[in-house]
N, C-alpha and C. Protein backbone atom coordinates (compact mmCIF):
# COMPACT_ATOMS: atom_id res chain seq x y z
N THR A 1 34.63 48.53 90.48
CA THR A 1 33.64 49.21 91.30
C THR A 1 32.66 49.93 90.39
N LEU A 2 31.40 49.66 90.59
CA LEU A 2 30.32 50.35 89.87
C LEU A 2 29.39 50.94 90.91
N PRO A 3 29.43 52.26 91.12
CA PRO A 3 28.62 52.86 92.17
C PRO A 3 27.12 52.59 92.02
N GLN A 4 26.60 52.69 90.81
CA GLN A 4 25.18 52.41 90.58
C GLN A 4 25.00 52.12 89.10
N PRO A 5 25.19 50.86 88.71
CA PRO A 5 25.16 50.54 87.29
C PRO A 5 23.75 50.61 86.69
N ARG A 6 23.72 50.88 85.38
CA ARG A 6 22.47 50.81 84.65
C ARG A 6 21.94 49.38 84.73
N SER A 7 20.66 49.20 84.46
CA SER A 7 20.04 47.88 84.52
C SER A 7 20.75 46.88 83.61
N SER A 8 21.13 47.32 82.42
CA SER A 8 21.80 46.40 81.48
C SER A 8 23.15 45.93 82.02
N ILE A 9 23.88 46.81 82.66
CA ILE A 9 25.16 46.42 83.27
C ILE A 9 24.92 45.54 84.47
N TRP A 10 23.93 45.87 85.27
CA TRP A 10 23.57 45.07 86.45
C TRP A 10 23.35 43.61 86.06
N ARG A 11 22.61 43.38 84.98
CA ARG A 11 22.30 42.01 84.55
C ARG A 11 23.55 41.26 84.11
N ALA A 12 24.60 41.96 83.73
CA ALA A 12 25.83 41.31 83.28
C ALA A 12 26.77 40.95 84.43
N LEU A 13 26.51 41.45 85.62
CA LEU A 13 27.39 41.18 86.76
C LEU A 13 27.19 39.75 87.27
N HIS A 14 28.27 39.19 87.79
CA HIS A 14 28.19 37.86 88.40
C HIS A 14 28.05 37.96 89.91
N ASP A 15 28.85 38.80 90.53
CA ASP A 15 28.87 38.91 91.98
C ASP A 15 28.66 40.35 92.42
N VAL A 16 28.16 40.48 93.64
CA VAL A 16 27.86 41.80 94.20
C VAL A 16 28.49 41.90 95.59
N LEU A 17 29.16 43.00 95.82
CA LEU A 17 29.61 43.38 97.16
C LEU A 17 28.93 44.70 97.47
N LEU A 18 28.01 44.67 98.43
CA LEU A 18 27.28 45.85 98.84
C LEU A 18 27.84 46.31 100.18
N LEU A 19 28.40 47.51 100.17
CA LEU A 19 29.00 48.06 101.39
C LEU A 19 28.10 49.14 101.98
N ALA A 20 27.98 49.12 103.29
CA ALA A 20 27.23 50.12 104.04
C ALA A 20 28.21 51.16 104.59
N PRO A 21 27.69 52.26 105.12
CA PRO A 21 28.58 53.25 105.74
C PRO A 21 29.54 52.58 106.73
N GLY A 22 30.76 53.09 106.74
CA GLY A 22 31.78 52.52 107.62
C GLY A 22 32.47 51.32 107.01
N GLY A 23 32.14 50.98 105.76
CA GLY A 23 32.75 49.84 105.10
C GLY A 23 32.20 48.49 105.54
N ARG A 24 31.06 48.52 106.23
CA ARG A 24 30.46 47.25 106.68
C ARG A 24 29.85 46.51 105.48
N VAL A 25 30.00 45.19 105.49
CA VAL A 25 29.45 44.38 104.40
C VAL A 25 27.97 44.13 104.66
N ALA A 26 27.16 44.53 103.67
CA ALA A 26 25.72 44.28 103.74
C ALA A 26 25.36 43.04 102.93
N TYR A 27 26.16 42.73 101.92
CA TYR A 27 25.95 41.54 101.10
C TYR A 27 27.21 41.27 100.30
N LEU A 28 27.53 40.00 100.17
CA LEU A 28 28.58 39.54 99.27
C LEU A 28 28.13 38.21 98.71
N GLY A 29 27.94 38.17 97.42
CA GLY A 29 27.52 36.93 96.81
C GLY A 29 27.04 37.11 95.39
N PRO A 30 26.47 36.05 94.85
CA PRO A 30 26.01 36.08 93.47
C PRO A 30 24.89 37.11 93.26
N ARG A 31 24.96 37.81 92.14
CA ARG A 31 23.92 38.77 91.81
C ARG A 31 22.56 38.08 91.73
N ARG A 32 22.53 36.88 91.20
CA ARG A 32 21.25 36.19 91.02
C ARG A 32 20.54 35.90 92.36
N ASN A 33 21.27 35.93 93.47
CA ASN A 33 20.69 35.63 94.78
C ASN A 33 20.37 36.86 95.62
N VAL A 34 20.86 38.02 95.21
CA VAL A 34 20.81 39.19 96.10
C VAL A 34 19.39 39.64 96.42
N LEU A 35 18.51 39.69 95.44
CA LEU A 35 17.15 40.18 95.73
C LEU A 35 16.39 39.21 96.62
N GLY A 36 16.57 37.92 96.42
CA GLY A 36 15.94 36.93 97.30
C GLY A 36 16.46 37.01 98.72
N TYR A 37 17.76 37.25 98.84
CA TYR A 37 18.36 37.40 100.16
C TYR A 37 17.72 38.56 100.92
N PHE A 38 17.61 39.71 100.26
CA PHE A 38 17.03 40.88 100.93
C PHE A 38 15.52 40.72 101.14
N GLU A 39 14.86 40.02 100.26
CA GLU A 39 13.43 39.78 100.47
C GLU A 39 13.20 38.95 101.73
N LYS A 40 14.08 37.98 102.00
CA LYS A 40 13.99 37.19 103.23
C LYS A 40 14.18 38.05 104.47
N LEU A 41 14.92 39.16 104.31
CA LEU A 41 15.12 40.09 105.43
C LEU A 41 13.96 41.08 105.56
N GLY A 42 13.03 41.05 104.60
CA GLY A 42 11.88 41.94 104.66
C GLY A 42 11.98 43.15 103.74
N TYR A 43 12.95 43.15 102.83
CA TYR A 43 13.14 44.28 101.91
C TYR A 43 12.96 43.80 100.48
N LYS A 44 11.78 43.99 99.94
CA LYS A 44 11.46 43.52 98.59
C LYS A 44 11.65 44.64 97.58
N CYS A 45 12.35 44.34 96.52
CA CYS A 45 12.58 45.30 95.45
C CYS A 45 11.27 45.51 94.69
N PRO A 46 10.80 46.75 94.61
CA PRO A 46 9.55 47.02 93.89
C PRO A 46 9.70 46.71 92.40
N PRO A 47 8.60 46.31 91.76
CA PRO A 47 8.65 46.06 90.32
C PRO A 47 9.10 47.33 89.58
N GLU A 48 9.73 47.13 88.45
CA GLU A 48 10.18 48.22 87.59
C GLU A 48 11.25 49.10 88.23
N THR A 49 11.91 48.60 89.27
CA THR A 49 12.97 49.34 89.95
C THR A 49 14.32 48.72 89.60
N ASN A 50 15.30 49.56 89.30
CA ASN A 50 16.65 49.08 89.05
C ASN A 50 17.16 48.46 90.36
N PRO A 51 17.51 47.16 90.36
CA PRO A 51 17.97 46.53 91.59
C PRO A 51 19.16 47.24 92.23
N ALA A 52 20.08 47.76 91.42
CA ALA A 52 21.23 48.47 91.98
C ALA A 52 20.79 49.70 92.76
N GLU A 53 19.84 50.44 92.21
CA GLU A 53 19.32 51.63 92.90
C GLU A 53 18.62 51.23 94.20
N PHE A 54 17.84 50.17 94.16
CA PHE A 54 17.15 49.66 95.35
C PHE A 54 18.15 49.31 96.45
N LEU A 55 19.21 48.59 96.08
CA LEU A 55 20.20 48.16 97.07
C LEU A 55 20.96 49.33 97.66
N ILE A 56 21.32 50.28 96.83
CA ILE A 56 22.02 51.46 97.33
C ILE A 56 21.13 52.24 98.28
N ASP A 57 19.86 52.35 97.96
CA ASP A 57 18.92 53.03 98.86
C ASP A 57 18.83 52.32 100.21
N LEU A 58 18.92 50.98 100.21
CA LEU A 58 18.84 50.24 101.47
C LEU A 58 19.98 50.58 102.42
N VAL A 59 21.14 50.92 101.89
CA VAL A 59 22.30 51.17 102.75
C VAL A 59 22.68 52.65 102.79
N SER A 60 21.75 53.50 102.40
CA SER A 60 21.99 54.95 102.42
C SER A 60 21.27 55.60 103.58
N VAL A 61 21.86 56.67 104.10
CA VAL A 61 21.27 57.43 105.20
C VAL A 61 20.76 58.76 104.67
N ASN A 62 19.48 59.03 104.92
CA ASN A 62 18.85 60.30 104.57
C ASN A 62 19.10 61.25 105.73
N CYS A 63 19.90 62.26 105.50
CA CYS A 63 20.27 63.19 106.57
C CYS A 63 19.39 64.43 106.62
N GLU A 64 18.26 64.42 105.91
CA GLU A 64 17.38 65.59 105.91
C GLU A 64 16.71 65.81 107.25
N SER A 65 16.51 64.72 108.01
CA SER A 65 15.94 64.87 109.35
C SER A 65 16.58 63.84 110.26
N ALA A 66 16.67 64.19 111.53
CA ALA A 66 17.28 63.28 112.51
C ALA A 66 16.48 61.99 112.62
N ALA A 67 15.16 62.09 112.55
CA ALA A 67 14.30 60.91 112.67
C ALA A 67 14.53 59.95 111.50
N GLU A 68 14.59 60.50 110.29
CA GLU A 68 14.83 59.67 109.10
C GLU A 68 16.21 59.05 109.15
N ALA A 69 17.19 59.81 109.57
CA ALA A 69 18.56 59.29 109.65
C ALA A 69 18.64 58.14 110.64
N GLN A 70 17.97 58.27 111.78
CA GLN A 70 17.99 57.19 112.77
C GLN A 70 17.29 55.95 112.25
N LYS A 71 16.18 56.14 111.56
CA LYS A 71 15.45 55.02 110.97
C LYS A 71 16.34 54.30 109.95
N ASP A 72 17.04 55.08 109.13
CA ASP A 72 17.94 54.49 108.13
C ASP A 72 19.09 53.75 108.79
N ARG A 73 19.68 54.33 109.82
CA ARG A 73 20.79 53.66 110.52
C ARG A 73 20.34 52.35 111.16
N SER A 74 19.13 52.33 111.70
CA SER A 74 18.60 51.09 112.29
C SER A 74 18.42 50.02 111.22
N ARG A 75 17.91 50.41 110.05
CA ARG A 75 17.73 49.46 108.95
C ARG A 75 19.10 48.92 108.51
N ILE A 76 20.07 49.81 108.36
CA ILE A 76 21.40 49.41 107.94
C ILE A 76 22.04 48.48 108.96
N ASP A 77 21.90 48.78 110.24
CA ASP A 77 22.42 47.90 111.29
C ASP A 77 21.80 46.51 111.17
N HIS A 78 20.48 46.46 110.97
CA HIS A 78 19.78 45.17 110.82
C HIS A 78 20.34 44.39 109.63
N ILE A 79 20.52 45.06 108.51
CA ILE A 79 21.03 44.41 107.30
C ILE A 79 22.45 43.88 107.53
N CYS A 80 23.33 44.70 108.06
CA CYS A 80 24.72 44.29 108.27
C CYS A 80 24.85 43.22 109.34
N ASP A 81 24.09 43.35 110.41
CA ASP A 81 24.11 42.34 111.46
C ASP A 81 23.60 41.00 110.92
N SER A 82 22.55 41.05 110.11
CA SER A 82 21.99 39.82 109.53
C SER A 82 23.01 39.13 108.64
N PHE A 83 23.72 39.91 107.83
CA PHE A 83 24.73 39.30 106.97
C PHE A 83 25.85 38.70 107.80
N ARG A 84 26.34 39.44 108.76
CA ARG A 84 27.45 38.98 109.59
C ARG A 84 27.10 37.71 110.36
N GLU A 85 25.86 37.61 110.83
CA GLU A 85 25.45 36.49 111.67
C GLU A 85 24.88 35.32 110.89
N SER A 86 24.70 35.48 109.61
CA SER A 86 24.08 34.45 108.79
C SER A 86 24.95 33.18 108.71
N ASP A 87 24.28 32.02 108.90
CA ASP A 87 24.96 30.76 108.71
C ASP A 87 25.04 30.41 107.23
N ASN A 88 24.21 31.04 106.45
CA ASN A 88 24.13 30.76 105.02
C ASN A 88 24.61 31.96 104.21
N LYS A 89 25.70 32.56 104.62
CA LYS A 89 26.22 33.73 103.90
C LYS A 89 26.42 33.38 102.45
N PRO A 90 25.91 34.21 101.56
CA PRO A 90 26.23 33.99 100.16
C PRO A 90 27.73 34.21 99.96
N THR A 91 28.32 33.47 99.06
CA THR A 91 29.73 33.66 98.79
C THR A 91 29.93 33.95 97.31
N ALA A 92 30.95 34.67 97.03
CA ALA A 92 31.25 35.01 95.63
C ALA A 92 31.66 33.75 94.88
N ALA A 93 31.25 33.65 93.65
CA ALA A 93 31.63 32.52 92.81
C ALA A 93 33.11 32.59 92.51
N ALA A 94 33.71 31.44 92.39
CA ALA A 94 35.15 31.40 92.10
C ALA A 94 35.42 31.76 90.66
């Protein structure tokens, strides 16, 4: 388990399991496919951003305001529902 690896460690990973609050799976599959997967869902990693930080932000809830928290929960629901319902779920390499 690497909560938020440095960019150099991120590049060395083979597979990624991204968990959302409640232990819901947001992504499971090859690291090389993860950014493309999320881009297809409408979440593009900005240039010069650590992909691990970007992914963790996608599944994090900002509790500073009720409106922001609800917006974050809706995004997380969309991400987890999309993964669960996907016919083309990425799978971890053997």
